[in-house]
Amino acid sequence: MLTTDEFNGEDILVDYTQDVEAIALKQMVINKLYASLSLLPEDEQRLIQEHFYLNISEVKLSEIYGVNQSTISRRIDRIVNKLKKLMKI
């Protein structure tokens, strides 16, 4: 049997402080992302939503838009970089 000489209550308590901080930080980043997305032109918002939220591949998007996959890839990269600047990352 364990005695109080071997451990104290703090040894078995879980510290949730870091979890709360991580959750709060994540929520702040998400809020900033949504605010930044709203500043983009509608066509750029749509492309980001289709690719990242609806998980439509670049190949499928290239078929939908009638352009090369490399064109879709460059557009997405350009938009992501624009979002990073807006979010000041």
PDB file of N, CA and C in Angstrom:
ATOM      1  N   MET A   1       0.846  -1.179   0.000  1.00  0.00           N
ATOM      2  CA  MET A   1       0.000   0.000   0.000  1.00  0.00           C
ATOM      3  C   MET A   1       0.893   1.244   0.000  1.00  0.00           C
ATOM      4  N   LEU A   2       0.465   2.243  -0.743  1.00  0.00           N
ATOM      5  CA  LEU A   2       1.206   3.499  -0.791  1.00  0.00           C
ATOM      6  C   LEU A   2       0.876   4.338   0.433  1.00  0.00           C
ATOM      7  N   THR A   3       1.863   5.014   0.901  1.00  0.00           N
ATOM      8  CA  THR A   3       1.648   5.900   2.041  1.00  0.00           C
ATOM      9  C   THR A   3       1.910   7.328   1.606  1.00  0.00           C
ATOM     10  N   THR A   4       1.525   8.258   2.411  1.00  0.00           N
ATOM     11  CA  THR A   4       1.762   9.664   2.091  1.00  0.00           C
ATOM     12  C   THR A   4       3.236  10.010   2.130  1.00  0.00           C
ATOM     13  N   ASP A   5       4.036   9.129   2.679  1.00  0.00           N
ATOM     14  CA  ASP A   5       5.483   9.353   2.644  1.00  0.00           C
ATOM     15  C   ASP A   5       6.028   9.136   1.232  1.00  0.00           C
ATOM     16  N   GLU A   6       5.336   8.326   0.449  1.00  0.00           N
ATOM     17  CA  GLU A   6       5.799   7.982  -0.895  1.00  0.00           C
ATOM     18  C   GLU A   6       5.324   8.972  -1.958  1.00  0.00           C
ATOM     19  N   PHE A   7       4.205   9.600  -1.749  1.00  0.00           N
ATOM     20  CA  PHE A   7       3.675  10.564  -2.708  1.00  0.00           C
ATOM     21  C   PHE A   7       2.685  11.479  -2.007  1.00  0.00           C
ATOM     22  N   ASN A   8       2.383  12.585  -2.695  1.00  0.00           N
ATOM     23  CA  ASN A   8       1.338  13.458  -2.158  1.00  0.00           C
ATOM     24  C   ASN A   8       0.231  13.589  -3.207  1.00  0.00           C
ATOM     25  N   GLY A   9      -0.821  14.224  -2.870  1.00  0.00           N
ATOM     26  CA  GLY A   9      -1.970  14.348  -3.767  1.00  0.00           C
ATOM     27  C   GLY A   9      -1.649  14.983  -5.101  1.00  0.00           C
ATOM     28  N   GLU A  10      -0.697  15.896  -5.115  1.00  0.00           N
ATOM     29  CA  GLU A  10      -0.330  16.571  -6.356  1.00  0.00           C
ATOM     30  C   GLU A  10       0.252  15.600  -7.377  1.00  0.00           C
ATOM     31  N   ASP A  11       0.843  14.525  -6.907  1.00  0.00           N
ATOM     32  CA  ASP A  11       1.450  13.548  -7.806  1.00  0.00           C
ATOM     33  C   ASP A  11       0.409  12.832  -8.667  1.00  0.00           C
ATOM     34  N   ILE A  12      -0.801  12.729  -8.186  1.00  0.00           N
ATOM     35  CA  ILE A  12      -1.812  11.991  -8.934  1.00  0.00           C
ATOM     36  C   ILE A  12      -2.834  12.893  -9.623  1.00  0.00           C
ATOM     37  N   LEU A  13      -2.778  14.181  -9.363  1.00  0.00           N
ATOM     38  CA  LEU A  13      -3.697  15.110 -10.009  1.00  0.00           C
ATOM     39  C   LEU A  13      -3.214  15.436 -11.416  1.00  0.00           C
ATOM     40  N   VAL A  14      -4.156  15.554 -12.327  1.00  0.00           N
ATOM     41  CA  VAL A  14      -3.832  15.900 -13.706  1.00  0.00           C
ATOM     42  C   VAL A  14      -3.899  17.411 -13.853  1.00  0.00           C
ATOM     43  N   ASP A  15      -2.899  17.979 -14.507  1.00  0.00           N
ATOM     44  CA  ASP A  15      -2.869  19.427 -14.741  1.00  0.00           C
ATOM     45  C   ASP A  15      -3.547  19.727 -16.074  1.00  0.00           C
ATOM     46  N   TYR A  16      -4.744  20.303 -16.022  1.00  0.00           N
ATOM     47  CA  TYR A  16      -5.498  20.623 -17.229  1.00  0.00           C
ATOM     48  C   TYR A  16      -5.206  22.032 -17.732  1.00  0.00           C
ATOM     49  N   THR A  17      -4.370  22.770 -17.043  1.00  0.00           N
ATOM     50  CA  THR A  17      -4.079  24.148 -17.414  1.00  0.00           C
ATOM     51  C   THR A  17      -3.567  24.244 -18.838  1.00  0.00           C
ATOM     52  N   GLN A  18      -2.628  23.390 -19.197  1.00  0.00           N
ATOM     53  CA  GLN A  18      -2.065  23.437 -20.543  1.00  0.00           C
ATOM     54  C   GLN A  18      -3.122  23.100 -21.580  1.00  0.00           C
ATOM     55  N   ASP A  19      -3.996  22.143 -21.281  1.00  0.00           N
ATOM     56  CA  ASP A  19      -5.059  21.797 -22.212  1.00  0.00           C
ATOM     57  C   ASP A  19      -5.977  22.983 -22.458  1.00  0.00           C
ATOM     58  N   VAL A  20      -6.335  23.689 -21.413  1.00  0.00           N
ATOM     59  CA  VAL A  20      -7.206  24.854 -21.535  1.00  0.00           C
ATOM     60  C   VAL A  20      -6.522  25.935 -22.363  1.00  0.00           C
ATOM     61  N   GLU A  21      -5.243  26.162 -22.118  1.00  0.00           N
ATOM     62  CA  GLU A  21      -4.495  27.161 -22.883  1.00  0.00           C
ATOM     63  C   GLU A  21      -4.422  26.769 -24.351  1.00  0.00           C
ATOM     64  N   ALA A  22      -4.159  25.508 -24.623  1.00  0.00           N
ATOM     65  CA  ALA A  22      -4.062  25.034 -26.006  1.00  0.00           C
ATOM     66  C   ALA A  22      -5.401  25.170 -26.717  1.00  0.00           C
ATOM     67  N   ILE A  23      -6.471  24.847 -26.028  1.00  0.00           N
ATOM     68  CA  ILE A  23      -7.809  24.969 -26.611  1.00  0.00           C
ATOM     69  C   ILE A  23      -8.131  26.431 -26.895  1.00  0.00           C
ATOM     70  N   ALA A  24      -7.816  27.307 -25.964  1.00  0.00           N
ATOM     71  CA  ALA A  24      -8.081  28.737 -26.151  1.00  0.00           C
ATOM     72  C   ALA A  24      -7.276  29.291 -27.317  1.00  0.00           C
ATOM     73  N   LEU A  25      -6.015  28.904 -27.413  1.00  0.00           N
ATOM     74  CA  LEU A  25      -5.166  29.363 -28.512  1.00  0.00           C
ATOM     75  C   LEU A  25      -5.691  28.859 -29.848  1.00  0.00           C
ATOM     76  N   LYS A  26      -6.068  27.598 -29.886  1.00  0.00           N
ATOM     77  CA  LYS A  26      -6.619  27.018 -31.116  1.00  0.00           C
ATOM     78  C   LYS A  26      -7.878  27.766 -31.543  1.00  0.00           C
ATOM     79  N   GLN A  27      -8.742  28.089 -30.600  1.00  0.00           N
ATOM     80  CA  GLN A  27      -9.976  28.805 -30.914  1.00  0.00           C
ATOM     81  C   GLN A  27      -9.681  30.207 -31.432  1.00  0.00           C
ATOM     82  N   MET A  28      -8.670  30.856 -30.876  1.00  0.00           N
ATOM     83  CA  MET A  28      -8.288  32.188 -31.351  1.00  0.00           C
ATOM     84  C   MET A  28      -7.794  32.124 -32.796  1.00  0.00           C
ATOM     85  N   VAL A  29      -7.008  31.104 -33.116  1.00  0.00           N
ATOM     86  CA  VAL A  29      -6.501  30.942 -34.480  1.00  0.00           C
ATOM     87  C   VAL A  29      -7.654  30.663 -35.440  1.00  0.00           C
ATOM     88  N   ILE A  30      -8.589  29.825 -35.030  1.00  0.00           N
ATOM     89  CA  ILE A  30      -9.752  29.524 -35.867  1.00  0.00           C
ATOM     90  C   ILE A  30     -10.565  30.787 -36.118  1.00  0.00           C
ATOM     91  N   ASN A  31     -10.796  31.581 -35.088  1.00  0.00           N
ATOM     92  CA  ASN A  31     -11.542  32.834 -35.250  1.00  0.00           C
ATOM     93  C   ASN A  31     -10.832  33.778 -36.207  1.00  0.00           C
ATOM     94  N   LYS A  32      -9.513  33.856 -36.080  1.00  0.00           N
ATOM     95  CA  LYS A  32      -8.721  34.715 -36.957  1.00  0.00           C
ATOM     96  C   LYS A  32      -8.775  34.210 -38.401  1.00  0.00           C
ATOM     97  N   LEU A  33      -8.755  32.886 -38.566  1.00  0.00           N
ATOM     98  CA  LEU A  33      -8.848  32.297 -39.902  1.00  0.00           C
ATOM     99  C   LEU A  33     -10.183  32.636 -40.551  1.00  0.00           C
ATOM    100  N   TYR A  34     -11.278  32.459 -39.815  1.00  0.00           N
ATOM    101  CA  TYR A  34     -12.599  32.780 -40.364  1.00  0.00           C
ATOM    102  C   TYR A  34     -12.708  34.261 -40.723  1.00  0.00           C
ATOM    103  N   ALA A  35     -12.178  35.113 -39.882  1.00  0.00           N
ATOM    104  CA  ALA A  35     -12.209  36.551 -40.172  1.00  0.00           C
ATOM    105  C   ALA A  35     -11.400  36.853 -41.426  1.00  0.00           C
ATOM    106  N   SER A  36     -10.246  36.223 -41.565  1.00  0.00           N
ATOM    107  CA  SER A  36      -9.397  36.441 -42.739  1.00  0.00           C
ATOM    108  C   SER A  36     -10.044  35.880 -43.999  1.00  0.00           C
ATOM    109  N   LEU A  37     -10.664  34.712 -43.886  1.00  0.00           N
ATOM    110  CA  LEU A  37     -11.360  34.125 -45.039  1.00  0.00           C
ATOM    111  C   LEU A  37     -12.446  35.056 -45.566  1.00  0.00           C
ATOM    112  N   SER A  38     -13.132  35.716 -44.663  1.00  0.00           N
ATOM    113  CA  SER A  38     -14.227  36.598 -45.075  1.00  0.00           C
ATOM    114  C   SER A  38     -13.730  37.808 -45.861  1.00  0.00           C
ATOM    115  N   LEU A  39     -12.440  38.103 -45.771  1.00  0.00           N
ATOM    116  CA  LEU A  39     -11.864  39.236 -46.501  1.00  0.00           C
ATOM    117  C   LEU A  39     -11.465  38.868 -47.931  1.00  0.00           C
ATOM    118  N   LEU A  40     -11.444  37.577 -48.228  1.00  0.00           N
ATOM    119  CA  LEU A  40     -11.065  37.124 -49.566  1.00  0.00           C
ATOM    120  C   LEU A  40     -12.218  37.293 -50.548  1.00  0.00           C
ATOM    121  N   PRO A  41     -11.896  37.435 -51.826  1.00  0.00           N
ATOM    122  CA  PRO A  41     -12.955  37.436 -52.843  1.00  0.00           C
ATOM    123  C   PRO A  41     -13.715  36.099 -52.801  1.00  0.00           C
ATOM    124  N   GLU A  42     -14.947  36.120 -53.238  1.00  0.00           N
ATOM    125  CA  GLU A  42     -15.813  34.945 -53.152  1.00  0.00           C
ATOM    126  C   GLU A  42     -15.228  33.717 -53.857  1.00  0.00           C
ATOM    127  N   ASP A  43     -14.603  33.911 -55.025  1.00  0.00           N
ATOM    128  CA  ASP A  43     -14.050  32.766 -55.752  1.00  0.00           C
ATOM    129  C   ASP A  43     -12.899  32.114 -54.980  1.00  0.00           C
ATOM    130  N   GLU A  44     -12.105  32.916 -54.287  1.00  0.00           N
ATOM    131  CA  GLU A  44     -11.007  32.373 -53.487  1.00  0.00           C
ATOM    132  C   GLU A  44     -11.547  31.655 -52.249  1.00  0.00           C
ATOM    133  N   GLN A  45     -12.564  32.219 -51.633  1.00  0.00           N
ATOM    134  CA  GLN A  45     -13.200  31.564 -50.484  1.00  0.00           C
ATOM    135  C   GLN A  45     -13.736  30.199 -50.894  1.00  0.00           C
ATOM    136  N   ARG A  46     -14.407  30.167 -52.042  1.00  0.00           N
ATOM    137  CA  ARG A  46     -15.014  28.930 -52.525  1.00  0.00           C
ATOM    138  C   ARG A  46     -13.951  27.850 -52.769  1.00  0.00           C
ATOM    139  N   LEU A  47     -12.843  28.222 -53.411  1.00  0.00           N
ATOM    140  CA  LEU A  47     -11.782  27.258 -53.703  1.00  0.00           C
ATOM    141  C   LEU A  47     -11.186  26.688 -52.412  1.00  0.00           C
ATOM    142  N   ILE A  48     -10.950  27.542 -51.435  1.00  0.00           N
ATOM    143  CA  ILE A  48     -10.415  27.086 -50.146  1.00  0.00           C
ATOM    144  C   ILE A  48     -11.412  26.158 -49.452  1.00  0.00           C
ATOM    145  N   GLN A  49     -12.678  26.524 -49.461  1.00  0.00           N
ATOM    146  CA  GLN A  49     -13.705  25.687 -48.836  1.00  0.00           C
ATOM    147  C   GLN A  49     -13.807  24.332 -49.525  1.00  0.00           C
ATOM    148  N   GLU A  50     -13.785  24.344 -50.852  1.00  0.00           N
ATOM    149  CA  GLU A  50     -13.898  23.086 -51.590  1.00  0.00           C
ATOM    150  C   GLU A  50     -12.713  22.166 -51.308  1.00  0.00           C
ATOM    151  N   HIS A  51     -11.529  22.741 -51.273  1.00  0.00           N
ATOM    152  CA  HIS A  51     -10.335  21.908 -51.094  1.00  0.00           C
ATOM    153  C   HIS A  51     -10.133  21.475 -49.643  1.00  0.00           C
ATOM    154  N   PHE A  52     -10.188  22.406 -48.705  1.00  0.00           N
ATOM    155  CA  PHE A  52      -9.850  22.087 -47.319  1.00  0.00           C
ATOM    156  C   PHE A  52     -11.035  21.609 -46.477  1.00  0.00           C
ATOM    157  N   TYR A  53     -12.228  22.140 -46.716  1.00  0.00           N
ATOM    158  CA  TYR A  53     -13.375  21.759 -45.901  1.00  0.00           C
ATOM    159  C   TYR A  53     -14.151  20.598 -46.498  1.00  0.00           C
ATOM    160  N   LEU A  54     -14.277  20.591 -47.829  1.00  0.00           N
ATOM    161  CA  LEU A  54     -15.015  19.517 -48.494  1.00  0.00           C
ATOM    162  C   LEU A  54     -14.092  18.401 -48.975  1.00  0.00           C
ATOM    163  N   ASN A  55     -12.786  18.599 -48.789  1.00  0.00           N
ATOM    164  CA  ASN A  55     -11.774  17.603 -49.150  1.00  0.00           C
ATOM    165  C   ASN A  55     -11.823  17.188 -50.619  1.00  0.00           C
ATOM    166  N   ILE A  56     -12.091  18.141 -51.490  1.00  0.00           N
ATOM    167  CA  ILE A  56     -12.060  17.869 -52.924  1.00  0.00           C
ATOM    168  C   ILE A  56     -10.605  17.997 -53.377  1.00  0.00           C
ATOM    169  N   SER A  57     -10.118  16.974 -54.042  1.00  0.00           N
ATOM    170  CA  SER A  57      -8.714  16.952 -54.458  1.00  0.00           C
ATOM    171  C   SER A  57      -8.437  18.010 -55.523  1.00  0.00           C
ATOM    172  N   GLU A  58      -7.170  18.357 -55.659  1.00  0.00           N
ATOM    173  CA  GLU A  58      -6.767  19.310 -56.697  1.00  0.00           C
ATOM    174  C   GLU A  58      -7.103  18.768 -58.080  1.00  0.00           C
ATOM    175  N   VAL A  59      -6.953  17.460 -58.264  1.00  0.00           N
ATOM    176  CA  VAL A  59      -7.270  16.842 -59.558  1.00  0.00           C
ATOM    177  C   VAL A  59      -8.754  17.021 -59.874  1.00  0.00           C
ATOM    178  N   LYS A  60      -9.617  16.731 -58.903  1.00  0.00           N
ATOM    179  CA  LYS A  60     -11.065  16.881 -59.107  1.00  0.00           C
ATOM    180  C   LYS A  60     -11.421  18.352 -59.330  1.00  0.00           C
ATOM    181  N   LEU A  61     -10.805  19.247 -58.571  1.00  0.00           N
ATOM    182  CA  LEU A  61     -11.066  20.680 -58.754  1.00  0.00           C
ATOM    183  C   LEU A  61     -10.633  21.134 -60.141  1.00  0.00           C
ATOM    184  N   SER A  62      -9.535  20.582 -60.645  1.00  0.00           N
ATOM    185  CA  SER A  62      -9.085  20.956 -61.992  1.00  0.00           C
ATOM    186  C   SER A  62     -10.104  20.512 -63.034  1.00  0.00           C
ATOM    187  N   GLU A  63     -10.747  19.366 -62.811  1.00  0.00           N
ATOM    188  CA  GLU A  63     -11.806  18.907 -63.715  1.00  0.00           C
ATOM    189  C   GLU A  63     -13.024  19.823 -63.625  1.00  0.00           C
ATOM    190  N   ILE A  64     -13.390  20.187 -62.413  1.00  0.00           N
ATOM    191  CA  ILE A  64     -14.560  21.055 -62.196  1.00  0.00           C
ATOM    192  C   ILE A  64     -14.360  22.410 -62.862  1.00  0.00           C
ATOM    193  N   TYR A  65     -13.178  22.994 -62.693  1.00  0.00           N
ATOM    194  CA  TYR A  65     -12.905  24.338 -63.207  1.00  0.00           C
ATOM    195  C   TYR A  65     -12.349  24.339 -64.625  1.00  0.00           C
ATOM    196  N   GLY A  66     -12.025  23.159 -65.156  1.00  0.00           N
ATOM    197  CA  GLY A  66     -11.530  23.076 -66.521  1.00  0.00           C
ATOM    198  C   GLY A  66     -10.142  23.660 -66.718  1.00  0.00           C
ATOM    199  N   VAL A  67      -9.295  23.509 -65.708  1.00  0.00           N
ATOM    200  CA  VAL A  67      -7.914  23.997 -65.790  1.00  0.00           C
ATOM    201  C   VAL A  67      -6.977  22.870 -65.362  1.00  0.00           C
ATOM    202  N   ASN A  68      -5.689  23.060 -65.586  1.00  0.00           N
ATOM    203  CA  ASN A  68      -4.700  22.068 -65.161  1.00  0.00           C
ATOM    204  C   ASN A  68      -4.640  21.979 -63.641  1.00  0.00           C
ATOM    205  N   GLN A  69      -4.264  20.810 -63.148  1.00  0.00           N
ATOM    206  CA  GLN A  69      -4.093  20.605 -61.711  1.00  0.00           C
ATOM    207  C   GLN A  69      -3.043  21.555 -61.159  1.00  0.00           C
ATOM    208  N   SER A  70      -2.000  21.821 -61.940  1.00  0.00           N
ATOM    209  CA  SER A  70      -0.944  22.730 -61.475  1.00  0.00           C
ATOM    210  C   SER A  70      -1.485  24.145 -61.276  1.00  0.00           C
ATOM    211  N   THR A  71      -2.454  24.527 -62.090  1.00  0.00           N
ATOM    212  CA  THR A  71      -3.083  25.843 -61.941  1.00  0.00           C
ATOM    213  C   THR A  71      -3.844  25.913 -60.621  1.00  0.00           C
ATOM    214  N   ILE A  72      -4.589  24.862 -60.319  1.00  0.00           N
ATOM    215  CA  ILE A  72      -5.328  24.801 -59.049  1.00  0.00           C
ATOM    216  C   ILE A  72      -4.347  24.842 -57.882  1.00  0.00           C
ATOM    217  N   SER A  73      -3.274  24.084 -57.990  1.00  0.00           N
ATOM    218  CA  SER A  73      -2.264  24.046 -56.928  1.00  0.00           C
ATOM    219  C   SER A  73      -1.672  25.426 -56.682  1.00  0.00           C
ATOM    220  N   ARG A  74      -1.330  26.128 -57.748  1.00  0.00           N
ATOM    221  CA  ARG A  74      -0.764  27.482 -57.602  1.00  0.00           C
ATOM    222  C   ARG A  74      -1.785  28.440 -57.003  1.00  0.00           C
ATOM    223  N   ARG A  75      -3.034  28.329 -57.421  1.00  0.00           N
ATOM    224  CA  ARG A  75      -4.084  29.202 -56.870  1.00  0.00           C
ATOM    225  C   ARG A  75      -4.236  28.971 -55.370  1.00  0.00           C
ATOM    226  N   ILE A  76      -4.285  27.708 -54.982  1.00  0.00           N
ATOM    227  CA  ILE A  76      -4.434  27.386 -53.561  1.00  0.00           C
ATOM    228  C   ILE A  76      -3.240  27.911 -52.774  1.00  0.00           C
ATOM    229  N   ASP A  77      -2.034  27.689 -53.289  1.00  0.00           N
ATOM    230  CA  ASP A  77      -0.828  28.202 -52.612  1.00  0.00           C
ATOM    231  C   ASP A  77      -0.881  29.717 -52.463  1.00  0.00           C
ATOM    232  N   ARG A  78      -1.293  30.397 -53.523  1.00  0.00           N
ATOM    233  CA  ARG A  78      -1.371  31.862 -53.490  1.00  0.00           C
ATOM    234  C   ARG A  78      -2.391  32.324 -52.441  1.00  0.00           C
ATOM    235  N   ILE A  79      -3.530  31.656 -52.400  1.00  0.00           N
ATOM    236  CA  ILE A  79      -4.578  32.029 -51.446  1.00  0.00           C
ATOM    237  C   ILE A  79      -4.120  31.751 -50.011  1.00  0.00           C
ATOM    238  N   VAL A  80      -3.480  30.613 -49.796  1.00  0.00           N
ATOM    239  CA  VAL A  80      -2.976  30.273 -48.456  1.00  0.00           C
ATOM    240  C   VAL A  80      -1.957  31.311 -48.000  1.00  0.00           C
ATOM    241  N   ASN A  81      -1.072  31.717 -48.896  1.00  0.00           N
ATOM    242  CA  ASN A  81      -0.096  32.759 -48.546  1.00  0.00           C
ATOM    243  C   ASN A  81      -0.784  34.081 -48.232  1.00  0.00           C
ATOM    244  N   LYS A  82      -1.831  34.389 -48.971  1.00  0.00           N
ATOM    245  CA  LYS A  82      -2.607  35.604 -48.701  1.00  0.00           C
ATOM    246  C   LYS A  82      -3.239  35.520 -47.308  1.00  0.00           C
ATOM    247  N   LEU A  83      -3.783  34.351 -46.973  1.00  0.00           N
ATOM    248  CA  LEU A  83      -4.381  34.161 -45.649  1.00  0.00           C
ATOM    249  C   LEU A  83      -3.341  34.309 -44.543  1.00  0.00           C
ATOM    250  N   LYS A  84      -2.152  33.768 -44.767  1.00  0.00           N
ATOM    251  CA  LYS A  84      -1.084  33.901 -43.773  1.00  0.00           C
ATOM    252  C   LYS A  84      -0.753  35.365 -43.523  1.00  0.00           C
ATOM    253  N   LYS A  85      -0.711  36.158 -44.592  1.00  0.00           N
ATOM    254  CA  LYS A  85      -0.428  37.589 -44.430  1.00  0.00           C
ATOM    255  C   LYS A  85      -1.556  38.279 -43.675  1.00  0.00           C
ATOM    256  N   LEU A  86      -2.789  37.937 -44.027  1.00  0.00           N
ATOM    257  CA  LEU A  86      -3.931  38.540 -43.338  1.00  0.00           C
ATOM    258  C   LEU A  86      -3.943  38.173 -41.852  1.00  0.00           C
ATOM    259  N   MET A  87      -3.539  36.946 -41.559  1.00  0.00           N
ATOM    260  CA  MET A  87      -3.521  36.477 -40.176  1.00  0.00           C
ATOM    261  C   MET A  87      -2.243  36.881 -39.455  1.00  0.00           C
ATOM    262  N   LYS A  88      -1.288  37.413 -40.206  1.00  0.00           N
ATOM    263  CA  LYS A  88       0.013  37.823 -39.666  1.00  0.00           C
ATOM    264  C   LYS A  88       0.732  36.656 -39.004  1.00  0.00           C
ATOM    265  N   ILE A  89       0.781  35.547 -39.738  1.00  0.00           N
ATOM    266  CA  ILE A  89       1.484  34.343 -39.256  1.00  0.00           C
ATOM    267  C   ILE A  89       2.901  34.368 -39.782  1.00  0.00           C
TER     268      ILE A  89
END
